[in-house]
Amino acid sequence: MAKDHGPQIKDNKLYEDLLKKGDSKEKAARIANAKAAGTLDHRSTQLEDRSKADLMAEARKIGIEGRSGMDKAALAEVIRGHR
């Protein structure tokens, strides 16, 4: 059972897990509260796990030319190379 960290922390267990991982108190609180509120972005951070539509949107956002002719693997590769 997670310790109660007061009303400002909405997900005490996640908060404690993040602190153990080495996150700061502020970062752990933001993540724990966002997850509890359902506002945490759930998109995968691994490019290969994202949908082709997500990759196309990312490529459009960063201005990659020729993206319409690329398959999912090519999009992931060019996005990774752009970062």
PDB file of N, CA and C in Angstrom:
ATOM      1  N   MET A   1       0.842  -1.181   0.000  1.00  0.00           N
ATOM      2  CA  MET A   1       0.000   0.000   0.000  1.00  0.00           C
ATOM      3  C   MET A   1       0.884   1.240   0.000  1.00  0.00           C
ATOM      4  N   ALA A   2       0.572   2.149  -0.881  1.00  0.00           N
ATOM      5  CA  ALA A   2       1.360   3.366  -1.001  1.00  0.00           C
ATOM      6  C   ALA A   2       1.021   4.345   0.121  1.00  0.00           C
ATOM      7  N   LYS A   3       2.020   5.071   0.540  1.00  0.00           N
ATOM      8  CA  LYS A   3       1.831   6.094   1.565  1.00  0.00           C
ATOM      9  C   LYS A   3       0.988   7.222   0.985  1.00  0.00           C
ATOM     10  N   ASP A   4       0.146   7.832   1.799  1.00  0.00           N
ATOM     11  CA  ASP A   4      -0.665   8.960   1.364  1.00  0.00           C
ATOM     12  C   ASP A   4       0.210  10.211   1.380  1.00  0.00           C
ATOM     13  N   HIS A   5       0.384  10.814   0.215  1.00  0.00           N
ATOM     14  CA  HIS A   5       1.232  12.001   0.101  1.00  0.00           C
ATOM     15  C   HIS A   5       0.423  13.292   0.111  1.00  0.00           C
ATOM     16  N   GLY A   6      -0.822  13.201   0.545  1.00  0.00           N
ATOM     17  CA  GLY A   6      -1.660  14.382   0.649  1.00  0.00           C
ATOM     18  C   GLY A   6      -2.553  14.568  -0.566  1.00  0.00           C
ATOM     19  N   PRO A   7      -3.441  15.547  -0.486  1.00  0.00           N
ATOM     20  CA  PRO A   7      -4.424  15.745  -1.548  1.00  0.00           C
ATOM     21  C   PRO A   7      -3.834  16.242  -2.864  1.00  0.00           C
ATOM     22  N   GLN A   8      -2.625  16.797  -2.830  1.00  0.00           N
ATOM     23  CA  GLN A   8      -2.033  17.303  -4.059  1.00  0.00           C
ATOM     24  C   GLN A   8      -1.524  16.188  -4.971  1.00  0.00           C
ATOM     25  N   ILE A   9      -1.296  14.987  -4.444  1.00  0.00           N
ATOM     26  CA  ILE A   9      -0.845  13.844  -5.243  1.00  0.00           C
ATOM     27  C   ILE A   9      -2.039  12.923  -5.460  1.00  0.00           C
ATOM     28  N   LYS A  10      -2.411  12.731  -6.711  1.00  0.00           N
ATOM     29  CA  LYS A  10      -3.630  11.979  -7.027  1.00  0.00           C
ATOM     30  C   LYS A  10      -3.395  10.478  -7.183  1.00  0.00           C
ATOM     31  N   ASP A  11      -2.159  10.048  -7.485  1.00  0.00           N
ATOM     32  CA  ASP A  11      -1.843   8.616  -7.634  1.00  0.00           C
ATOM     33  C   ASP A  11      -0.576   8.344  -6.827  1.00  0.00           C
ATOM     34  N   ASN A  12      -0.758   7.990  -5.554  1.00  0.00           N
ATOM     35  CA  ASN A  12       0.364   7.835  -4.629  1.00  0.00           C
ATOM     36  C   ASN A  12       1.336   6.734  -5.041  1.00  0.00           C
ATOM     37  N   LYS A  13       0.823   5.596  -5.526  1.00  0.00           N
ATOM     38  CA  LYS A  13       1.704   4.494  -5.899  1.00  0.00           C
ATOM     39  C   LYS A  13       2.601   4.882  -7.072  1.00  0.00           C
ATOM     40  N   LEU A  14       2.020   5.470  -8.104  1.00  0.00           N
ATOM     41  CA  LEU A  14       2.817   5.898  -9.256  1.00  0.00           C
ATOM     42  C   LEU A  14       3.833   6.952  -8.827  1.00  0.00           C
ATOM     43  N   TYR A  15       3.420   7.867  -7.980  1.00  0.00           N
ATOM     44  CA  TYR A  15       4.316   8.902  -7.468  1.00  0.00           C
ATOM     45  C   TYR A  15       5.533   8.271  -6.792  1.00  0.00           C
ATOM     46  N   GLU A  16       5.295   7.306  -5.909  1.00  0.00           N
ATOM     47  CA  GLU A  16       6.400   6.625  -5.221  1.00  0.00           C
ATOM     48  C   GLU A  16       7.288   5.861  -6.204  1.00  0.00           C
ATOM     49  N   ASP A  17       6.677   5.176  -7.164  1.00  0.00           N
ATOM     50  CA  ASP A  17       7.459   4.435  -8.163  1.00  0.00           C
ATOM     51  C   ASP A  17       8.368   5.373  -8.948  1.00  0.00           C
ATOM     52  N   LEU A  18       7.862   6.528  -9.319  1.00  0.00           N
ATOM     53  CA  LEU A  18       8.664   7.492 -10.075  1.00  0.00           C
ATOM     54  C   LEU A  18       9.797   8.056  -9.234  1.00  0.00           C
ATOM     55  N   LEU A  19       9.535   8.295  -7.952  1.00  0.00           N
ATOM     56  CA  LEU A  19      10.601   8.766  -7.061  1.00  0.00           C
ATOM     57  C   LEU A  19      11.701   7.722  -6.929  1.00  0.00           C
ATOM     58  N   LYS A  20      11.304   6.451  -6.800  1.00  0.00           N
ATOM     59  CA  LYS A  20      12.296   5.369  -6.697  1.00  0.00           C
ATOM     60  C   LYS A  20      13.127   5.263  -7.960  1.00  0.00           C
ATOM     61  N   LYS A  21      12.510   5.561  -9.108  1.00  0.00           N
ATOM     62  CA  LYS A  21      13.202   5.524 -10.396  1.00  0.00           C
ATOM     63  C   LYS A  21      14.205   6.667 -10.520  1.00  0.00           C
ATOM     64  N   GLY A  22      14.032   7.704  -9.697  1.00  0.00           N
ATOM     65  CA  GLY A  22      14.977   8.815  -9.708  1.00  0.00           C
ATOM     66  C   GLY A  22      14.406  10.133 -10.207  1.00  0.00           C
ATOM     67  N   ASP A  23      13.112  10.169 -10.526  1.00  0.00           N
ATOM     68  CA  ASP A  23      12.500  11.421 -10.950  1.00  0.00           C
ATOM     69  C   ASP A  23      12.409  12.382  -9.777  1.00  0.00           C
ATOM     70  N   SER A  24      12.416  13.676 -10.074  1.00  0.00           N
ATOM     71  CA  SER A  24      12.265  14.674  -9.017  1.00  0.00           C
ATOM     72  C   SER A  24      10.839  14.628  -8.480  1.00  0.00           C
ATOM     73  N   LYS A  25      10.639  15.211  -7.315  1.00  0.00           N
ATOM     74  CA  LYS A  25       9.307  15.244  -6.719  1.00  0.00           C
ATOM     75  C   LYS A  25       8.319  15.980  -7.627  1.00  0.00           C
ATOM     76  N   GLU A  26       8.783  17.077  -8.234  1.00  0.00           N
ATOM     77  CA  GLU A  26       7.912  17.860  -9.100  1.00  0.00           C
ATOM     78  C   GLU A  26       7.487  17.066 -10.328  1.00  0.00           C
ATOM     79  N   LYS A  27       8.455  16.409 -10.970  1.00  0.00           N
ATOM     80  CA  LYS A  27       8.148  15.623 -12.166  1.00  0.00           C
ATOM     81  C   LYS A  27       7.245  14.447 -11.814  1.00  0.00           C
ATOM     82  N   ALA A  28       7.548  13.765 -10.733  1.00  0.00           N
ATOM     83  CA  ALA A  28       6.734  12.624 -10.310  1.00  0.00           C
ATOM     84  C   ALA A  28       5.299  13.055 -10.024  1.00  0.00           C
ATOM     85  N   ALA A  29       5.132  14.204  -9.396  1.00  0.00           N
ATOM     86  CA  ALA A  29       3.790  14.706  -9.091  1.00  0.00           C
ATOM     87  C   ALA A  29       3.035  15.041 -10.372  1.00  0.00           C
ATOM     88  N   ARG A  30       3.696  15.701 -11.326  1.00  0.00           N
ATOM     89  CA  ARG A  30       3.032  16.045 -12.589  1.00  0.00           C
ATOM     90  C   ARG A  30       2.570  14.798 -13.326  1.00  0.00           C
ATOM     91  N   ILE A  31       3.437  13.793 -13.407  1.00  0.00           N
ATOM     92  CA  ILE A  31       3.092  12.563 -14.135  1.00  0.00           C
ATOM     93  C   ILE A  31       1.983  11.813 -13.421  1.00  0.00           C
ATOM     94  N   ALA A  32       2.110  11.655 -12.105  1.00  0.00           N
ATOM     95  CA  ALA A  32       1.094  10.924 -11.338  1.00  0.00           C
ATOM     96  C   ALA A  32      -0.266  11.604 -11.428  1.00  0.00           C
ATOM     97  N   ASN A  33      -0.287  12.925 -11.345  1.00  0.00           N
ATOM     98  CA  ASN A  33      -1.554  13.647 -11.415  1.00  0.00           C
ATOM     99  C   ASN A  33      -2.149  13.622 -12.818  1.00  0.00           C
ATOM    100  N   ALA A  34      -1.310  13.701 -13.839  1.00  0.00           N
ATOM    101  CA  ALA A  34      -1.813  13.640 -15.219  1.00  0.00           C
ATOM    102  C   ALA A  34      -2.393  12.265 -15.515  1.00  0.00           C
ATOM    103  N   LYS A  35      -1.735  11.224 -15.047  1.00  0.00           N
ATOM    104  CA  LYS A  35      -2.255   9.873 -15.267  1.00  0.00           C
ATOM    105  C   LYS A  35      -3.590   9.693 -14.547  1.00  0.00           C
ATOM    106  N   ALA A  36      -3.686  10.171 -13.324  1.00  0.00           N
ATOM    107  CA  ALA A  36      -4.924  10.047 -12.552  1.00  0.00           C
ATOM    108  C   ALA A  36      -6.064  10.824 -13.213  1.00  0.00           C
ATOM    109  N   ALA A  37      -5.743  11.951 -13.848  1.00  0.00           N
ATOM    110  CA  ALA A  37      -6.761  12.773 -14.499  1.00  0.00           C
ATOM    111  C   ALA A  37      -7.099  12.270 -15.901  1.00  0.00           C
ATOM    112  N   GLY A  38      -6.289  11.329 -16.411  1.00  0.00           N
ATOM    113  CA  GLY A  38      -6.536  10.807 -17.752  1.00  0.00           C
ATOM    114  C   GLY A  38      -6.034  11.712 -18.858  1.00  0.00           C
ATOM    115  N   THR A  39      -5.133  12.618 -18.527  1.00  0.00           N
ATOM    116  CA  THR A  39      -4.623  13.552 -19.528  1.00  0.00           C
ATOM    117  C   THR A  39      -3.208  13.229 -19.986  1.00  0.00           C
ATOM    118  N   LEU A  40      -2.659  12.131 -19.515  1.00  0.00           N
ATOM    119  CA  LEU A  40      -1.316  11.742 -19.903  1.00  0.00           C
ATOM    120  C   LEU A  40      -1.344  11.260 -21.342  1.00  0.00           C
ATOM    121  N   ASP A  41      -0.422  11.743 -22.174  1.00  0.00           N
ATOM    122  CA  ASP A  41      -0.349  11.337 -23.580  1.00  0.00           C
ATOM    123  C   ASP A  41       0.071   9.880 -23.638  1.00  0.00           C
ATOM    124  N   HIS A  42      -0.744   9.050 -24.287  1.00  0.00           N
ATOM    125  CA  HIS A  42      -0.490   7.623 -24.315  1.00  0.00           C
ATOM    126  C   HIS A  42       0.191   7.139 -25.587  1.00  0.00           C
ATOM    127  N   ARG A  43       0.562   8.038 -26.483  1.00  0.00           N
ATOM    128  CA  ARG A  43       1.224   7.596 -27.709  1.00  0.00           C
ATOM    129  C   ARG A  43       2.548   6.937 -27.358  1.00  0.00           C
ATOM    130  N   SER A  44       2.836   5.900 -28.083  1.00  0.00           N
ATOM    131  CA  SER A  44       4.069   5.154 -27.840  1.00  0.00           C
ATOM    132  C   SER A  44       5.274   6.015 -28.188  1.00  0.00           C
ATOM    133  N   THR A  45       6.357   5.840 -27.443  1.00  0.00           N
ATOM    134  CA  THR A  45       7.574   6.570 -27.745  1.00  0.00           C
ATOM    135  C   THR A  45       8.420   5.830 -28.770  1.00  0.00           C
ATOM    136  N   GLN A  46       8.194   4.532 -28.958  1.00  0.00           N
ATOM    137  CA  GLN A  46       8.905   3.762 -29.979  1.00  0.00           C
ATOM    138  C   GLN A  46       8.242   4.018 -31.317  1.00  0.00           C
ATOM    139  N   LEU A  47       8.985   4.523 -32.276  1.00  0.00           N
ATOM    140  CA  LEU A  47       8.403   4.865 -33.568  1.00  0.00           C
ATOM    141  C   LEU A  47       7.736   3.667 -34.236  1.00  0.00           C
ATOM    142  N   GLU A  48       8.336   2.499 -34.115  1.00  0.00           N
ATOM    143  CA  GLU A  48       7.789   1.313 -34.759  1.00  0.00           C
ATOM    144  C   GLU A  48       6.440   0.901 -34.171  1.00  0.00           C
ATOM    145  N   ASP A  49       6.163   1.299 -32.946  1.00  0.00           N
ATOM    146  CA  ASP A  49       4.905   0.943 -32.294  1.00  0.00           C
ATOM    147  C   ASP A  49       3.772   1.916 -32.633  1.00  0.00           C
ATOM    148  N   ARG A  50       4.109   3.038 -33.250  1.00  0.00           N
ATOM    149  CA  ARG A  50       3.100   4.032 -33.600  1.00  0.00           C
ATOM    150  C   ARG A  50       2.445   3.684 -34.933  1.00  0.00           C
ATOM    151  N   SER A  51       1.276   4.194 -35.166  1.00  0.00           N
ATOM    152  CA  SER A  51       0.568   3.921 -36.424  1.00  0.00           C
ATOM    153  C   SER A  51       1.210   4.717 -37.565  1.00  0.00           C
ATOM    154  N   LYS A  52       0.940   4.258 -38.789  1.00  0.00           N
ATOM    155  CA  LYS A  52       1.468   4.974 -39.950  1.00  0.00           C
ATOM    156  C   LYS A  52       0.895   6.392 -39.983  1.00  0.00           C
ATOM    157  N   ALA A  53      -0.372   6.539 -39.611  1.00  0.00           N
ATOM    158  CA  ALA A  53      -0.988   7.867 -39.589  1.00  0.00           C
ATOM    159  C   ALA A  53      -0.267   8.801 -38.607  1.00  0.00           C
ATOM    160  N   ASP A  54       0.113   8.281 -37.440  1.00  0.00           N
ATOM    161  CA  ASP A  54       0.880   9.078 -36.474  1.00  0.00           C
ATOM    162  C   ASP A  54       2.225   9.491 -37.054  1.00  0.00           C
ATOM    163  N   LEU A  55       2.878   8.529 -37.722  1.00  0.00           N
ATOM    164  CA  LEU A  55       4.186   8.821 -38.317  1.00  0.00           C
ATOM    165  C   LEU A  55       4.055   9.854 -39.435  1.00  0.00           C
ATOM    166  N   MET A  56       2.989   9.747 -40.237  1.00  0.00           N
ATOM    167  CA  MET A  56       2.762  10.725 -41.300  1.00  0.00           C
ATOM    168  C   MET A  56       2.557  12.120 -40.707  1.00  0.00           C
ATOM    169  N   ALA A  57       1.786  12.201 -39.641  1.00  0.00           N
ATOM    170  CA  ALA A  57       1.543  13.494 -38.995  1.00  0.00           C
ATOM    171  C   ALA A  57       2.839  14.072 -38.440  1.00  0.00           C
ATOM    172  N   GLU A  58       3.652  13.233 -37.833  1.00  0.00           N
ATOM    173  CA  GLU A  58       4.945  13.680 -37.300  1.00  0.00           C
ATOM    174  C   GLU A  58       5.845  14.171 -38.430  1.00  0.00           C
ATOM    175  N   ALA A  59       5.894  13.412 -39.537  1.00  0.00           N
ATOM    176  CA  ALA A  59       6.720  13.790 -40.690  1.00  0.00           C
ATOM    177  C   ALA A  59       6.243  15.115 -41.278  1.00  0.00           C
ATOM    178  N   ARG A  60       4.936  15.306 -41.360  1.00  0.00           N
ATOM    179  CA  ARG A  60       4.371  16.558 -41.870  1.00  0.00           C
ATOM    180  C   ARG A  60       4.766  17.704 -40.953  1.00  0.00           C
ATOM    181  N   LYS A  61       4.673  17.474 -39.647  1.00  0.00           N
ATOM    182  CA  LYS A  61       4.973  18.514 -38.648  1.00  0.00           C
ATOM    183  C   LYS A  61       6.422  18.980 -38.745  1.00  0.00           C
ATOM    184  N   ILE A  62       7.334  18.049 -39.004  1.00  0.00           N
ATOM    185  CA  ILE A  62       8.757  18.438 -39.055  1.00  0.00           C
ATOM    186  C   ILE A  62       9.230  18.747 -40.474  1.00  0.00           C
ATOM    187  N   GLY A  63       8.307  18.632 -41.456  1.00  0.00           N
ATOM    188  CA  GLY A  63       8.610  19.072 -42.815  1.00  0.00           C
ATOM    189  C   GLY A  63       9.405  18.099 -43.663  1.00  0.00           C
ATOM    190  N   ILE A  64       9.177  16.819 -43.526  1.00  0.00           N
ATOM    191  CA  ILE A  64       9.896  15.821 -44.315  1.00  0.00           C
ATOM    192  C   ILE A  64       9.269  15.730 -45.704  1.00  0.00           C
ATOM    193  N   GLU A  65      10.091  15.917 -46.722  1.00  0.00           N
ATOM    194  CA  GLU A  65       9.639  15.862 -48.122  1.00  0.00           C
ATOM    195  C   GLU A  65       9.501  14.410 -48.568  1.00  0.00           C
ATOM    196  N   GLY A  66       8.543  14.137 -49.455  1.00  0.00           N
ATOM    197  CA  GLY A  66       8.370  12.811 -50.035  1.00  0.00           C
ATOM    198  C   GLY A  66       7.737  11.788 -49.119  1.00  0.00           C
ATOM    199  N   ARG A  67       7.120  12.234 -48.058  1.00  0.00           N
ATOM    200  CA  ARG A  67       6.568  11.308 -47.064  1.00  0.00           C
ATOM    201  C   ARG A  67       5.401  10.496 -47.601  1.00  0.00           C
ATOM    202  N   SER A  68       4.652  11.022 -48.577  1.00  0.00           N
ATOM    203  CA  SER A  68       3.472  10.308 -49.074  1.00  0.00           C
ATOM    204  C   SER A  68       3.840   8.999 -49.766  1.00  0.00           C
ATOM    205  N   GLY A  69       5.041   8.889 -50.284  1.00  0.00           N
ATOM    206  CA  GLY A  69       5.475   7.659 -50.945  1.00  0.00           C
ATOM    207  C   GLY A  69       6.202   6.686 -50.036  1.00  0.00           C
ATOM    208  N   MET A  70       6.297   6.997 -48.752  1.00  0.00           N
ATOM    209  CA  MET A  70       7.041   6.159 -47.815  1.00  0.00           C
ATOM    210  C   MET A  70       6.129   5.177 -47.091  1.00  0.00           C
ATOM    211  N   ASP A  71       6.673   3.999 -46.826  1.00  0.00           N
ATOM    212  CA  ASP A  71       5.941   3.058 -45.983  1.00  0.00           C
ATOM    213  C   ASP A  71       6.263   3.368 -44.519  1.00  0.00           C
ATOM    214  N   LYS A  72       5.663   2.625 -43.618  1.00  0.00           N
ATOM    215  CA  LYS A  72       5.809   2.886 -42.178  1.00  0.00           C
ATOM    216  C   LYS A  72       7.274   2.810 -41.732  1.00  0.00           C
ATOM    217  N   ALA A  73       8.001   1.794 -42.197  1.00  0.00           N
ATOM    218  CA  ALA A  73       9.402   1.627 -41.801  1.00  0.00           C
ATOM    219  C   ALA A  73      10.256   2.799 -42.287  1.00  0.00           C
ATOM    220  N   ALA A  74      10.007   3.254 -43.504  1.00  0.00           N
ATOM    221  CA  ALA A  74      10.768   4.378 -44.048  1.00  0.00           C
ATOM    222  C   ALA A  74      10.463   5.658 -43.285  1.00  0.00           C
ATOM    223  N   LEU A  75       9.203   5.854 -42.937  1.00  0.00           N
ATOM    224  CA  LEU A  75       8.836   7.030 -42.142  1.00  0.00           C
ATOM    225  C   LEU A  75       9.545   7.025 -40.791  1.00  0.00           C
ATOM    226  N   ALA A  76       9.547   5.875 -40.131  1.00  0.00           N
ATOM    227  CA  ALA A  76      10.215   5.767 -38.830  1.00  0.00           C
ATOM    228  C   ALA A  76      11.698   6.081 -38.965  1.00  0.00           C
ATOM    229  N   GLU A  77      12.308   5.574 -40.014  1.00  0.00           N
ATOM    230  CA  GLU A  77      13.743   5.782 -40.208  1.00  0.00           C
ATOM    231  C   GLU A  77      14.074   7.256 -40.466  1.00  0.00           C
ATOM    232  N   VAL A  78      13.289   7.897 -41.328  1.00  0.00           N
ATOM    233  CA  VAL A  78      13.576   9.300 -41.640  1.00  0.00           C
ATOM    234  C   VAL A  78      13.271  10.214 -40.457  1.00  0.00           C
ATOM    235  N   ILE A  79      12.233   9.896 -39.695  1.00  0.00           N
ATOM    236  CA  ILE A  79      11.932  10.694 -38.498  1.00  0.00           C
ATOM    237  C   ILE A  79      13.059  10.537 -37.473  1.00  0.00           C
ATOM    238  N   ARG A  80      13.508   9.321 -37.281  1.00  0.00           N
ATOM    239  CA  ARG A  80      14.600   9.069 -36.336  1.00  0.00           C
ATOM    240  C   ARG A  80      15.866   9.827 -36.752  1.00  0.00           C
ATOM    241  N   GLY A  81      16.137   9.860 -38.041  1.00  0.00           N
ATOM    242  CA  GLY A  81      17.319  10.567 -38.540  1.00  0.00           C
ATOM    243  C   GLY A  81      17.205  12.076 -38.424  1.00  0.00           C
ATOM    244  N   HIS A  82      15.996  12.566 -38.356  1.00  0.00           N
ATOM    245  CA  HIS A  82      15.767  14.013 -38.280  1.00  0.00           C
ATOM    246  C   HIS A  82      15.968  14.547 -36.872  1.00  0.00           C
ATOM    247  N   ARG A  83      15.790  13.709 -35.858  1.00  0.00           N
ATOM    248  CA  ARG A  83      15.872  14.149 -34.451  1.00  0.00           C
ATOM    249  C   ARG A  83      17.259  14.457 -34.038  1.00  0.00           C
TER     250      ARG A  83
END
